[in-house]
């Protein structure tokens, strides 16, 4: 491997594939992308042209067998992640994979075992950990700046429901959307969750209910430390991408609000207002997407651990499965029930 630059192959040329390809190609001089594959070849061709990727691979195996490629970016649909991780590990490639690894714990465990056996590095794309606002909240908790966390409130709402075709294959609200918030609950507090309780429904888009999913939910978390948390999700917030956190501690509180395209406030005789917040994750988390890849690249080049471990990637899935069971069974569910 070139000690000064990490050479990627990328699998998946959809929305998140484009985000990562642009981050590597335009913002990370310490890395480049040599090859791209997608089952939709025109999509791969378009992204390759946009990002200056020199090769369109005919298959994922062509990327895994390319000796010039040091690491793979797995940005394909979730049901393919676990298998691609195993194949990449067997090929000796380091791996950055979008969340989650899989919907079932046994598939996650098989993928993590393959990574451990191969001795390659793995990082899962929980990009919100790398957002500067949330990092500041985490540092306040770790340093004791606000004392012992008592109440944690996480708000995460999308501007509009996703296409129904996406809903049917996404794994559902808890495994697709709230999984980020489950990760943030652990990351921000440095604490694990013992028990969850879910109240949820279909309040934004009836078609989501017809597809067997939910679009609005509140999950109550009981942390091992005794702290209490709430996660509030909706698939529809008409004013934009709603991303907020507050932690109340024994010695104070820390909170982070939405990000806006500007800081202008307009005041007149009728109202005081600002422009709407940034509209979706591509705009809101541009910096964190680039930063998570930067830290992955540095971990590989420097031979250091990646900042999101296999255990970090597994825990939010367990919490998501517990949250769904809580909704289905109308009761609090201990995380240990799902872990087995």
Protein backbone atom coordinates (compact mmCIF):
# COMPACT_ATOMS: atom_id res chain seq x y z
CA UNK A 1 0.00 0.00 0.00
CA UNK A 2 1.15 3.48 -0.86
CA UNK A 3 2.08 5.06 2.50
CA UNK A 4 0.97 8.52 1.36
CA UNK A 5 -2.34 7.83 -0.35
CA UNK A 6 -5.15 5.32 0.18
CA UNK A 7 -6.65 3.87 -2.99
CA UNK A 8 -10.38 3.09 -2.83
CA UNK A 9 -12.82 1.07 -4.85
CA UNK A 10 -16.45 2.07 -4.37
CA UNK A 11 -19.51 -0.16 -4.58
CA UNK A 12 -22.76 1.74 -4.99
CA UNK A 13 -23.45 4.89 -6.98
CA UNK A 14 -26.70 5.99 -5.36
CA UNK A 15 -27.34 8.92 -3.07
CA UNK A 16 -24.90 8.01 -0.30
CA UNK A 17 -22.37 6.69 -2.82
CA UNK A 18 -22.34 10.10 -4.43
CA UNK A 19 -21.81 11.80 -1.05
CA UNK A 20 -18.78 9.62 -0.27
CA UNK A 21 -17.36 9.74 -3.77
CA UNK A 22 -17.46 13.55 -3.72
CA UNK A 23 -15.83 13.63 -0.27
CA UNK A 24 -12.92 11.47 -1.40
CA UNK A 25 -12.51 13.02 -4.82
CA UNK A 26 -12.84 16.69 -3.92
CA UNK A 27 -11.93 16.95 -0.23
CA UNK A 28 -9.41 14.24 0.68
CA UNK A 29 -6.07 14.63 -1.10
CA UNK A 30 -4.73 11.69 0.94
CA UNK A 31 -7.08 9.30 -0.91
CA UNK A 32 -8.50 8.60 -4.34
CA UNK A 33 -10.99 6.26 -6.00
CA UNK A 34 -9.63 3.96 -8.70
CA UNK A 35 -12.77 2.00 -9.59
CA UNK A 36 -16.54 2.05 -9.12
CA UNK A 37 -19.23 -0.60 -9.46
CA UNK A 38 -23.02 -0.42 -9.36
CA UNK A 39 -25.67 -2.81 -10.63
CA UNK A 40 -27.00 0.25 -12.45
CA UNK A 41 -24.07 0.83 -14.80
CA UNK A 42 -25.29 4.21 -16.11
CA UNK A 43 -25.36 5.49 -12.51
CA UNK A 44 -21.79 4.32 -12.02
CA UNK A 45 -20.74 5.92 -15.29
CA UNK A 46 -22.34 9.25 -14.35
CA UNK A 47 -20.71 9.32 -10.91
CA UNK A 48 -17.36 8.29 -12.36
CA UNK A 49 -17.52 11.15 -14.86
CA UNK A 50 -18.50 13.61 -12.12
CA UNK A 51 -15.71 12.56 -9.74
CA UNK A 52 -12.98 11.63 -12.20
CA UNK A 53 -13.00 7.92 -11.30
CA UNK A 54 -10.97 6.21 -14.04
CA UNK A 55 -12.57 2.74 -14.13
CA UNK A 56 -16.09 1.30 -14.23
CA UNK A 57 -15.90 -2.23 -12.82
CA UNK A 58 -18.11 -4.98 -14.21
CA UNK A 59 -18.64 -6.53 -10.76
CA UNK A 60 -17.82 -6.16 -7.10
CA UNK A 61 -15.39 -9.06 -7.49
CA UNK A 62 -13.44 -7.02 -10.02
CA UNK A 63 -12.89 -4.40 -7.32
CA UNK A 64 -11.94 -7.00 -4.69
CA UNK A 65 -9.41 -8.62 -7.02
CA UNK A 66 -7.72 -5.37 -8.07
CA UNK A 67 -4.29 -5.33 -6.37
CA UNK A 68 -4.05 -1.53 -6.63
CA UNK A 69 -7.07 -1.06 -4.36
CA UNK A 70 -6.36 -0.85 -0.62
CA UNK A 71 -9.87 -0.27 0.72
CA UNK A 72 -13.50 -0.46 -0.37
CA UNK A 73 -16.36 1.95 0.22
CA UNK A 74 -19.57 -0.10 0.49
CA UNK A 75 -22.47 2.20 -0.37
CA UNK A 76 -24.91 -0.32 -1.81
CA UNK A 77 -28.29 -1.33 -0.34
CA UNK A 78 -28.28 -2.67 3.21
CA UNK A 79 -29.14 -6.26 2.36
CA UNK A 80 -25.82 -6.52 0.46
CA UNK A 81 -23.56 -5.09 3.20
CA UNK A 82 -22.75 -8.22 5.22
CA UNK A 83 -21.84 -10.34 2.21
CA UNK A 84 -19.72 -7.58 0.69
CA UNK A 85 -17.88 -7.08 3.98
CA UNK A 86 -17.04 -10.78 4.13
CA UNK A 87 -15.82 -10.83 0.53
CA UNK A 88 -13.80 -7.63 0.97
CA UNK A 89 -12.18 -9.00 4.13
CA UNK A 90 -11.29 -12.25 2.41
CA UNK A 91 -9.67 -10.19 -0.35
CA UNK A 92 -7.57 -8.35 2.24
CA UNK A 93 -9.23 -4.96 1.69
CA UNK A 94 -9.90 -2.47 4.45
CA UNK A 95 -13.59 -1.59 4.65
CA UNK A 96 -15.73 1.49 5.12
CA UNK A 97 -19.39 0.42 5.03
CA UNK A 98 -22.60 2.37 5.37
CA UNK A 99 -24.91 1.55 8.27
CA UNK A 100 -26.17 -0.93 9.26
CA UNK A 101 -24.12 -4.04 8.50
CA UNK A 102 -27.31 -6.10 8.43
CA UNK A 103 -30.78 -6.38 9.93
CA UNK A 104 -29.99 -9.67 11.74
CA UNK A 105 -27.38 -10.09 14.47
CA UNK A 106 -26.13 -13.43 13.16
CA UNK A 107 -25.21 -11.82 9.84
CA UNK A 108 -23.49 -8.95 11.63
CA UNK A 109 -21.52 -11.39 13.76
CA UNK A 110 -20.44 -13.39 10.70
CA UNK A 111 -19.21 -10.22 8.99
CA UNK A 112 -17.31 -9.06 12.07
CA UNK A 113 -15.75 -12.51 12.43
CA UNK A 114 -14.53 -12.35 8.82
CA UNK A 115 -13.00 -8.93 9.45
CA UNK A 116 -11.24 -10.14 12.59
CA UNK A 117 -9.92 -13.24 10.83
CA UNK A 118 -8.54 -11.22 7.92
CA UNK A 119 -7.00 -8.58 10.17
CA UNK A 120 -8.37 -5.71 8.08
CA UNK A 121 -9.85 -2.47 9.36
CA UNK A 122 -13.59 -1.79 9.39
CA UNK A 123 -15.53 1.40 9.99
CA UNK A 124 -19.30 1.80 9.79
CA UNK A 125 -20.80 5.08 8.57
CA UNK A 126 -22.25 6.65 11.70
CA UNK A 127 -21.33 10.08 10.42
CA UNK A 128 -23.08 12.14 13.10
CA UNK A 129 -20.28 11.26 15.54
CA UNK A 130 -18.06 13.50 13.41
CA UNK A 131 -20.31 16.56 13.45
CA UNK A 132 -18.65 19.41 15.35
CA UNK A 133 -21.78 20.28 17.35
CA UNK A 134 -22.34 16.73 18.56
CA UNK A 135 -18.62 16.30 19.26
CA UNK A 136 -18.83 19.34 21.54
CA UNK A 137 -21.75 17.77 23.41
CA UNK A 138 -19.79 14.55 23.79
CA UNK A 139 -16.75 16.42 25.12
CA UNK A 140 -18.91 18.28 27.66
CA UNK A 141 -20.17 14.99 29.03
CA UNK A 142 -16.75 13.31 29.05
CA UNK A 143 -15.07 16.23 30.81
CA UNK A 144 -17.75 16.51 33.48
CA UNK A 145 -18.58 20.04 32.35
CA UNK A 146 -22.31 19.50 32.98
CA UNK A 147 -21.92 16.90 35.72
CA UNK A 148 -23.60 13.51 35.52
CA UNK A 149 -26.12 13.13 32.65
CA UNK A 150 -29.68 12.84 33.92
CA UNK A 151 -31.93 13.49 30.90
CA UNK A 152 -31.02 13.03 27.23
CA UNK A 153 -33.31 14.22 24.44
CA UNK A 154 -32.54 13.55 20.78
CA UNK A 155 -34.73 14.93 17.99
CA UNK A 156 -34.32 13.67 14.43
CA UNK A 157 -36.95 14.41 11.80
CA UNK A 158 -36.75 14.23 8.02
CA UNK A 159 -38.22 16.97 5.81
CA UNK A 160 -40.41 14.54 3.84
CA UNK A 161 -41.17 10.81 3.72
CA UNK A 162 -38.93 8.65 1.51
CA UNK A 163 -40.23 6.83 -1.57
CA UNK A 164 -42.33 3.77 -0.70
CA UNK A 165 -39.99 1.55 -2.68
CA UNK A 166 -37.21 2.61 -0.33
CA UNK A 167 -39.37 2.04 2.75
CA UNK A 168 -40.03 -1.58 1.73
CA UNK A 169 -36.31 -2.44 1.67
CA UNK A 170 -34.88 -0.06 4.28
CA UNK A 171 -35.45 -2.23 7.34
CA UNK A 172 -37.98 0.20 8.76
CA UNK A 173 -37.91 3.36 10.84
CA UNK A 174 -35.83 1.92 13.69
CA UNK A 175 -33.16 0.18 11.59
CA UNK A 176 -32.95 2.83 8.89
CA UNK A 177 -33.56 6.21 10.49
CA UNK A 178 -33.51 5.95 14.28
CA UNK A 179 -30.40 3.76 14.19
CA UNK A 180 -28.35 6.97 13.94
CA UNK A 181 -30.00 8.24 17.10
CA UNK A 182 -29.41 4.98 18.96
CA UNK A 183 -25.74 5.38 18.07
CA UNK A 184 -25.78 9.00 19.19
CA UNK A 185 -27.36 8.06 22.53
CA UNK A 186 -24.39 5.80 23.29
CA UNK A 187 -21.79 8.12 21.78
CA UNK A 188 -22.92 11.32 23.49
CA UNK A 189 -23.28 9.79 26.94
CA UNK A 190 -20.53 7.17 26.84
CA UNK A 191 -23.15 4.88 28.37
CA UNK A 192 -25.06 1.78 27.28
CA UNK A 193 -28.81 1.29 27.35
CA UNK A 194 -30.55 -1.34 29.48
CA UNK A 195 -34.17 -0.97 28.39
CA UNK A 196 -36.32 0.70 25.73
CA UNK A 197 -40.00 1.51 25.43
CA UNK A 198 -41.63 2.59 22.17
CA UNK A 199 -44.74 4.58 21.30
CA UNK A 200 -45.20 4.90 17.54
CA UNK A 201 -47.69 5.24 14.73
CA UNK A 202 -48.37 6.24 11.14
CA UNK A 203 -49.10 9.97 11.24
CA UNK A 204 -47.20 11.41 8.27
CA UNK A 205 -47.90 9.14 5.29
CA UNK A 206 -50.55 6.38 5.17
CA UNK A 207 -48.62 4.62 2.42
CA UNK A 208 -45.80 3.95 4.91
CA UNK A 209 -48.27 2.10 7.12
CA UNK A 210 -49.55 0.15 4.14
CA UNK A 211 -45.94 -0.91 3.49
CA UNK A 212 -45.74 -2.28 7.03
CA UNK A 213 -43.66 0.47 8.61
CA UNK A 214 -44.09 3.41 10.99
CA UNK A 215 -43.29 7.06 10.36
CA UNK A 216 -43.51 8.67 13.81
CA UNK A 217 -42.04 7.37 17.07
CA UNK A 218 -40.82 8.24 20.53
CA UNK A 219 -38.51 5.78 22.26
CA UNK A 220 -37.71 6.06 25.96
CA UNK A 221 -34.26 4.80 26.97
CA UNK A 222 -33.13 3.64 30.39
CA UNK A 223 -29.34 3.90 30.54
CA UNK A 224 -27.17 1.65 32.71
CA UNK A 225 -26.13 4.72 34.72
CA UNK A 226 -29.76 5.47 35.56
CA UNK A 227 -30.07 8.37 33.12
CA UNK A 228 -33.28 8.60 31.11
CA UNK A 229 -33.34 9.36 27.39
CA UNK A 230 -35.90 10.04 24.70
CA UNK A 231 -35.53 9.78 20.94
CA UNK A 232 -38.14 11.60 18.84
CA UNK A 233 -38.37 10.68 15.14
CA UNK A 234 -40.70 11.72 12.34
CA UNK A 235 -40.50 11.14 8.62
CA UNK A 236 -42.10 14.54 7.97
CA UNK A 237 -41.08 17.94 9.32
CA UNK A 238 -42.27 20.41 6.69
CA UNK A 239 -39.82 23.13 7.79
CA UNK A 240 -36.70 21.06 6.99
CA UNK A 241 -34.21 18.64 8.53
CA UNK A 242 -34.71 18.79 12.30
CA UNK A 243 -31.60 17.66 14.21
CA UNK A 244 -31.34 18.68 17.87
CA UNK A 245 -29.91 17.32 21.11
CA UNK A 246 -30.15 18.38 24.74
CA UNK A 247 -28.49 16.74 27.74
CA UNK A 248 -29.42 17.85 31.25
CA UNK A 249 -26.72 17.05 33.78
CA UNK A 250 -26.40 17.37 37.53
CA UNK A 251 -24.35 20.57 37.08
CA UNK A 252 -25.95 22.12 34.00
CA UNK A 253 -27.09 21.36 30.49
CA UNK A 254 -25.75 21.42 26.95
CA UNK A 255 -27.83 21.68 23.78
CA UNK A 256 -27.30 21.94 20.06
CA UNK A 257 -29.85 23.35 17.63
CA UNK A 258 -30.47 23.03 13.91
CA UNK A 259 -28.03 24.42 11.39
CA UNK A 260 -29.15 27.12 8.99
CA UNK A 261 -27.88 28.34 5.62
CA UNK A 262 -27.29 31.74 7.24
CA UNK A 263 -27.58 33.48 10.61
CA UNK A 264 -29.83 36.30 9.47
CA UNK A 265 -32.85 37.28 11.58
CA UNK A 266 -35.53 39.45 9.99
CA UNK A 267 -37.64 41.65 12.29
CA UNK A 268 -40.65 43.70 11.26
CA UNK A 269 -43.95 44.92 12.65
CA UNK A 270 -45.58 41.51 12.38
CA UNK A 271 -42.93 38.93 13.26
CA UNK A 272 -39.32 38.02 13.90
CA UNK A 273 -38.06 35.15 11.76
CA UNK A 274 -35.12 33.43 10.09
CA UNK A 275 -34.80 31.24 7.02
CA UNK A 276 -35.57 27.53 7.21
CA UNK A 277 -32.86 25.13 8.45
CA UNK A 278 -30.73 23.15 6.03
CA UNK A 279 -33.10 20.87 4.20
CA UNK A 280 -31.60 17.35 4.38
CA UNK A 281 -28.66 15.25 5.45
CA UNK A 282 -26.53 15.93 2.37
CA UNK A 283 -26.47 19.63 3.30
CA UNK A 284 -26.60 19.32 7.10
CA UNK A 285 -23.81 16.76 7.44
CA UNK A 286 -21.46 17.63 4.57
CA UNK A 287 -18.55 18.23 6.93
CA UNK A 288 -19.15 15.14 9.04
CA UNK A 289 -19.28 12.88 5.99
CA UNK A 290 -15.88 14.17 4.90
CA UNK A 291 -14.46 13.98 8.42
CA UNK A 292 -15.48 10.36 9.01
CA UNK A 293 -13.71 9.32 5.81
CA UNK A 294 -10.68 11.41 6.68
CA UNK A 295 -10.36 9.63 10.03
CA UNK A 296 -10.83 6.23 8.38
CA UNK A 297 -8.10 7.02 5.85
CA UNK A 298 -5.74 8.15 8.59
CA UNK A 299 -6.47 5.05 10.68
CA UNK A 300 -5.53 2.82 7.76
CA UNK A 301 -2.45 4.81 6.71
CA UNK A 302 -1.20 5.13 10.30
CA UNK A 303 -2.08 1.59 11.37
CA UNK A 304 -4.39 2.81 14.15
CA UNK A 305 -7.87 1.65 15.26
CA UNK A 306 -10.84 3.08 13.39
CA UNK A 307 -13.04 5.46 15.41
CA UNK A 308 -16.21 3.35 15.04
CA UNK A 309 -15.66 -0.25 16.13
CA UNK A 310 -17.51 -3.45 15.29
CA UNK A 311 -19.15 -3.31 18.71
CA UNK A 312 -20.23 0.27 18.01
CA UNK A 313 -21.89 -0.88 14.81
CA UNK A 314 -23.68 -3.81 16.47
CA UNK A 315 -25.15 -2.05 19.51
CA UNK A 316 -27.53 0.32 17.65
CA UNK A 317 -28.99 -2.63 15.72
CA UNK A 318 -29.74 -4.39 19.00
CA UNK A 319 -31.45 -1.23 20.27
CA UNK A 320 -33.45 -0.93 17.04
CA UNK A 321 -34.64 -4.53 17.28
CA UNK A 322 -35.60 -3.97 20.92
CA UNK A 323 -37.52 -0.81 19.97
CA UNK A 324 -39.53 -2.66 17.33
CA UNK A 325 -40.26 -5.51 19.74
CA UNK A 326 -41.42 -3.00 22.31
CA UNK A 327 -43.87 -1.52 19.81
CA UNK A 328 -45.11 -4.92 18.65
CA UNK A 329 -45.56 -6.28 22.18
CA UNK A 330 -46.69 -3.05 23.90
CA UNK A 331 -44.16 -3.31 26.70
CA UNK A 332 -40.68 -2.19 27.77
CA UNK A 333 -37.98 -4.48 26.36
CA UNK A 334 -34.62 -5.06 27.96
CA UNK A 335 -31.72 -4.94 25.52
CA UNK A 336 -30.47 -8.25 26.94
CA UNK A 337 -33.62 -9.95 25.60
CA UNK A 338 -32.53 -9.14 22.04
CA UNK A 339 -28.81 -9.77 22.56
CA UNK A 340 -29.63 -13.31 23.64
